[in-house]
Amino acid sequence: MNLSVARKFLASCLLLPPVLWALSSLIGPSTGNSQSTAGQLKDLHKIADHQGSFIASTVMFLVAAMLFIVATYGIVHVYRGRKVGIGQIAGGLIAIGMGVFFSFYTFGITEYEMVKHAAFRHPAAQLLFAHLLHFSQSSGPGAVLFIAFIVGIVVGPILLGVAMIRRRNVPLWAGILTIITGPVGFFANGRVGGAIFQIVLLVALAPLGLLIWRMTDDEWDAPREIAGARRGQPPVTPEPAGPTPAPAV
């Protein structure tokens, strides 16, 4: 795979996930709105009534996360510099957040199996499963996943937006909008609300995706000093060493 194809692949991995997440929100049933036992029982009933769309939505959700993990390599590469920068840290944190999506997929498949089999389709079993889901989502050890999710999905985009603004390689509004998507994404819920948020995320990331798509081989392989320079400013070059003094006689 040559560099041009690889860059376009990375750009696609950055822009396709919001589209898949939006479709996932619209296709699947609205679940996860309450962690109470009653809320979990209601979610199980919704999954039982829409098993096909739930599986399709869950698979699209995971595939989008996998693509975004690949895209974080492009983020780390674009925002490289003489030292480790905010953009590179943001890419790493976002990758961690995407990794948490694998646990969400596992929860979803577990819920699907709870309603799929006829042996479990009676009120006592469904109530027991609802209790289990309630306690598992309120588990103390499970807080590790919650913290990783917050760090990756909220802090990651905020740092990425800051890096966009500081590097000035995309429009200012893209950096500001990316910062906003961090905290807003944590509170966005519901089918329509989730889809609208993903469209906003796509708009925020579009300039960065187009930047990666249009880069030349020289720009992509530029030395760290040149790549790390802000747009409109000359790259920082090390000062030449002074002459070595003659030894004393």
Protein backbone atom coordinates (compact mmCIF):
# COMPACT_ATOMS: atom_id res chain seq x y z
CA MET A 1 0.00 0.00 0.00
CA ASN A 2 1.54 3.32 -1.09
CA LEU A 3 1.44 6.44 1.04
CA SER A 4 -1.37 8.10 -0.92
CA VAL A 5 -3.70 5.11 -0.50
CA ALA A 6 -2.73 4.78 3.18
CA ARG A 7 -3.54 8.44 3.86
CA LYS A 8 -6.91 8.19 2.15
CA PHE A 9 -7.62 5.05 4.17
CA LEU A 10 -6.79 6.86 7.42
CA ALA A 11 -8.97 9.82 6.41
CA SER A 12 -11.85 7.46 5.65
CA CYS A 13 -11.40 5.77 9.03
CA LEU A 14 -11.76 9.21 10.63
CA LEU A 15 -14.91 10.23 8.76
CA LEU A 16 -16.84 6.95 8.43
CA PRO A 17 -17.36 6.22 12.17
CA PRO A 18 -19.70 9.19 12.84
CA VAL A 19 -21.81 8.08 9.87
CA LEU A 20 -21.97 4.49 11.16
CA TRP A 21 -22.75 5.66 14.70
CA ALA A 22 -25.56 7.87 13.42
CA LEU A 23 -27.05 4.97 11.46
CA SER A 24 -26.60 2.72 14.49
CA SER A 25 -28.57 5.17 16.64
CA LEU A 26 -31.41 5.34 14.14
CA ILE A 27 -31.60 1.63 13.30
CA GLY A 28 -31.47 0.06 16.77
CA PRO A 29 -34.04 0.37 19.56
CA SER A 30 -33.55 3.13 22.12
CA THR A 31 -31.93 1.45 25.15
CA GLY A 32 -29.63 2.40 28.00
CA ASN A 33 -31.70 5.34 29.21
CA SER A 34 -31.94 4.01 32.78
CA GLN A 35 -29.73 1.78 34.93
CA SER A 36 -32.51 0.83 37.32
CA THR A 37 -33.93 -2.69 37.36
CA ALA A 38 -37.16 -1.45 35.80
CA GLY A 39 -35.20 0.35 33.09
CA GLN A 40 -33.12 -2.74 32.34
CA LEU A 41 -36.26 -4.88 32.13
CA LYS A 42 -37.77 -2.39 29.69
CA ASP A 43 -34.62 -2.51 27.59
CA LEU A 44 -34.74 -6.31 27.46
CA HIS A 45 -38.31 -6.15 26.17
CA LYS A 46 -37.26 -3.67 23.47
CA ILE A 47 -34.37 -5.91 22.40
CA ALA A 48 -36.68 -8.93 22.28
CA ASP A 49 -39.07 -7.06 20.00
CA HIS A 50 -36.32 -5.77 17.68
CA GLN A 51 -33.63 -8.47 17.71
CA GLY A 52 -32.51 -8.04 14.10
CA SER A 53 -32.15 -4.27 14.23
CA PHE A 54 -30.46 -4.49 17.63
CA ILE A 55 -27.76 -6.84 16.32
CA ALA A 56 -27.24 -4.74 13.19
CA SER A 57 -26.95 -1.60 15.30
CA THR A 58 -24.53 -3.23 17.75
CA VAL A 59 -22.25 -4.55 15.01
CA MET A 60 -22.16 -1.16 13.26
CA PHE A 61 -21.35 0.45 16.60
CA LEU A 62 -18.33 -1.81 17.09
CA VAL A 63 -17.07 -1.57 13.51
CA ALA A 64 -17.13 2.23 13.77
CA ALA A 65 -15.05 2.07 16.96
CA MET A 66 -12.52 -0.24 15.26
CA LEU A 67 -12.18 2.17 12.34
CA PHE A 68 -11.68 5.11 14.69
CA ILE A 69 -8.90 3.27 16.50
CA VAL A 70 -7.10 3.04 13.16
CA ALA A 71 -7.78 6.74 12.57
CA THR A 72 -6.01 7.69 15.79
CA TYR A 73 -2.73 6.75 14.12
CA GLY A 74 -3.38 9.53 11.62
CA ILE A 75 -4.15 11.96 14.45
CA VAL A 76 -0.91 11.08 16.26
CA HIS A 77 1.10 11.38 13.03
CA VAL A 78 -0.38 14.71 11.90
CA TYR A 79 0.19 16.34 15.30
CA ARG A 80 3.73 15.12 15.79
CA GLY A 81 6.42 17.65 16.64
CA ARG A 82 9.80 17.99 18.27
CA LYS A 83 8.27 16.69 21.50
CA VAL A 84 5.17 14.71 22.42
CA GLY A 85 2.31 17.14 21.90
CA ILE A 86 -1.30 17.59 22.96
CA GLY A 87 -2.59 16.18 19.69
CA GLN A 88 -0.65 12.96 20.14
CA ILE A 89 -1.90 12.59 23.70
CA ALA A 90 -5.43 13.21 22.42
CA GLY A 91 -5.05 10.44 19.84
CA GLY A 92 -3.91 8.00 22.52
CA LEU A 93 -6.76 8.89 24.86
CA ILE A 94 -9.34 8.57 22.09
CA ALA A 95 -7.97 5.13 21.24
CA ILE A 96 -8.45 4.13 24.89
CA GLY A 97 -12.02 5.40 24.75
CA MET A 98 -12.68 3.40 21.60
CA GLY A 99 -11.37 0.31 23.37
CA VAL A 100 -14.14 0.67 25.96
CA PHE A 101 -16.64 0.27 23.11
CA PHE A 102 -15.64 -3.41 22.96
CA SER A 103 -17.05 -3.85 26.46
CA PHE A 104 -20.27 -2.11 25.35
CA TYR A 105 -20.50 -4.60 22.51
CA THR A 106 -20.05 -7.46 24.98
CA PHE A 107 -22.87 -6.08 27.14
CA GLY A 108 -25.08 -5.80 24.08
CA ILE A 109 -24.46 -9.36 22.95
CA THR A 110 -25.13 -10.59 26.49
CA GLU A 111 -28.48 -8.76 26.52
CA TYR A 112 -29.30 -10.26 23.12
CA GLU A 113 -28.64 -13.80 24.36
CA MET A 114 -30.82 -13.13 27.40
CA VAL A 115 -33.87 -12.59 25.21
CA LYS A 116 -33.05 -14.83 22.25
CA HIS A 117 -33.57 -18.27 23.80
CA ALA A 118 -37.04 -19.59 24.59
CA ALA A 119 -35.84 -21.04 27.91
CA PHE A 120 -35.33 -17.50 29.22
CA ARG A 121 -38.59 -15.99 27.95
CA HIS A 122 -40.54 -16.02 31.18
CA PRO A 123 -41.04 -13.21 33.71
CA ALA A 124 -38.89 -14.73 36.47
CA ALA A 125 -35.82 -15.15 34.26
CA GLN A 126 -36.21 -11.72 32.68
CA LEU A 127 -36.52 -10.05 36.09
CA LEU A 128 -33.41 -11.91 37.28
CA PHE A 129 -31.49 -10.75 34.21
CA ALA A 130 -32.65 -7.18 34.79
CA HIS A 131 -31.31 -7.32 38.35
CA LEU A 132 -28.01 -8.72 37.06
CA LEU A 133 -27.66 -5.95 34.47
CA HIS A 134 -28.50 -3.32 37.07
CA PHE A 135 -25.85 -4.54 39.51
CA SER A 136 -23.22 -5.07 36.79
CA GLN A 137 -23.58 -1.47 35.58
CA SER A 138 -23.39 -0.19 39.15
CA SER A 139 -20.37 -2.30 40.04
CA GLY A 140 -17.42 -0.71 41.84
CA PRO A 141 -14.75 -2.54 39.80
CA GLY A 142 -16.63 -1.49 36.67
CA ALA A 143 -15.75 2.13 37.45
CA VAL A 144 -12.43 1.51 35.67
CA LEU A 145 -14.29 1.27 32.38
CA PHE A 146 -16.32 4.37 33.20
CA ILE A 147 -13.18 6.39 33.92
CA ALA A 148 -11.50 5.15 30.74
CA PHE A 149 -14.62 6.10 28.78
CA ILE A 150 -14.69 9.61 30.28
CA VAL A 151 -10.99 10.15 29.65
CA GLY A 152 -11.18 8.89 26.06
CA ILE A 153 -14.51 10.31 24.89
CA VAL A 154 -14.57 13.60 26.81
CA VAL A 155 -10.95 14.61 27.54
CA GLY A 156 -9.62 13.20 24.26
CA PRO A 157 -11.72 15.41 21.92
CA ILE A 158 -11.09 18.45 24.12
CA LEU A 159 -7.32 18.00 23.79
CA LEU A 160 -7.66 17.28 20.07
CA GLY A 161 -9.58 20.52 19.59
CA VAL A 162 -6.90 22.42 21.50
CA ALA A 163 -4.24 20.86 19.26
CA MET A 164 -6.21 21.89 16.16
CA ILE A 165 -6.37 25.48 17.38
CA ARG A 166 -2.70 25.62 18.35
CA ARG A 167 -1.38 23.97 15.17
CA ARG A 168 -3.72 26.03 12.93
CA ASN A 169 -3.79 23.36 10.22
CA VAL A 170 -7.61 23.35 10.14
CA PRO A 171 -10.15 26.18 10.45
CA LEU A 172 -10.58 27.65 13.91
CA TRP A 173 -14.25 26.65 14.06
CA ALA A 174 -13.31 22.98 13.62
CA GLY A 175 -11.12 23.06 16.72
CA ILE A 176 -13.79 24.83 18.77
CA LEU A 177 -16.50 22.42 17.60
CA THR A 178 -14.29 19.43 18.39
CA ILE A 179 -13.79 20.73 21.94
CA ILE A 180 -17.57 21.08 22.33
CA THR A 181 -18.23 17.51 21.16
CA GLY A 182 -16.30 16.16 24.15
CA PRO A 183 -18.69 17.07 26.99
CA VAL A 184 -21.78 17.20 24.76
CA GLY A 185 -21.19 13.65 23.53
CA PHE A 186 -21.29 12.33 27.08
CA PHE A 187 -24.79 13.70 27.65
CA ALA A 188 -26.27 13.04 24.20
CA ASN A 189 -28.81 10.20 24.34
CA GLY A 190 -31.83 8.91 22.50
CA ARG A 191 -32.02 7.81 18.89
CA VAL A 192 -32.49 11.23 17.31
CA GLY A 193 -30.23 13.02 19.78
CA GLY A 194 -27.45 10.52 19.21
CA ALA A 195 -27.75 10.78 15.43
CA ILE A 196 -27.68 14.59 15.51
CA PHE A 197 -24.59 14.54 17.71
CA GLN A 198 -22.79 12.23 15.28
CA ILE A 199 -23.55 14.58 12.41
CA VAL A 200 -22.03 17.44 14.44
CA LEU A 201 -18.99 15.26 15.15
CA LEU A 202 -18.64 14.51 11.43
CA VAL A 203 -18.69 18.24 10.64
CA ALA A 204 -16.06 18.90 13.33
CA LEU A 205 -13.71 16.19 12.04
CA ALA A 206 -14.26 16.82 8.32
CA PRO A 207 -11.50 19.47 7.97
CA LEU A 208 -8.96 17.18 9.65
CA GLY A 209 -10.04 14.25 7.47
CA LEU A 210 -9.71 16.37 4.33
CA LEU A 211 -6.29 17.58 5.50
CA ILE A 212 -5.05 13.99 5.79
CA TRP A 213 -6.70 13.06 2.46
CA ARG A 214 -5.01 15.91 0.56
CA MET A 215 -1.54 15.68 2.10
CA THR A 216 1.37 15.07 -0.25
CA ASP A 217 4.06 12.49 0.41
CA ASP A 218 6.49 15.26 1.37
CA GLU A 219 4.04 16.80 3.83
CA TRP A 220 3.25 13.40 5.36
CA ASP A 221 6.93 12.48 5.74
CA ALA A 222 8.09 15.95 6.79
CA PRO A 223 10.61 16.06 9.67
CA ARG A 224 9.18 16.66 13.12
CA GLU A 225 10.52 20.23 13.25
CA ILE A 226 8.65 21.14 10.07
CA ALA A 227 5.49 19.14 10.86
CA GLY A 228 5.32 20.66 14.33
CA ALA A 229 5.48 24.27 13.14
CA ARG A 230 2.27 26.27 13.28
CA ARG A 231 0.81 27.26 9.93
CA GLY A 232 2.16 30.65 8.91
CA GLN A 233 5.25 30.36 11.10
CA PRO A 234 8.70 29.12 10.05
CA PRO A 235 9.81 25.78 11.49
CA VAL A 236 12.13 25.79 14.47
CA THR A 237 15.61 24.75 13.43
CA PRO A 238 18.45 24.09 15.82
CA GLU A 239 21.14 26.79 15.97
CA PRO A 240 24.47 25.75 14.49
CA ALA A 241 27.13 24.94 17.00
CA GLY A 242 29.78 27.56 17.54
CA PRO A 243 33.42 26.97 16.65
CA THR A 244 35.41 24.84 19.01
CA PRO A 245 37.97 26.98 20.87
CA ALA A 246 41.60 26.15 20.29
CA PRO A 247 43.26 24.29 23.11
CA ALA A 248 45.40 26.37 25.43
CA VAL A 249 49.11 26.12 24.83
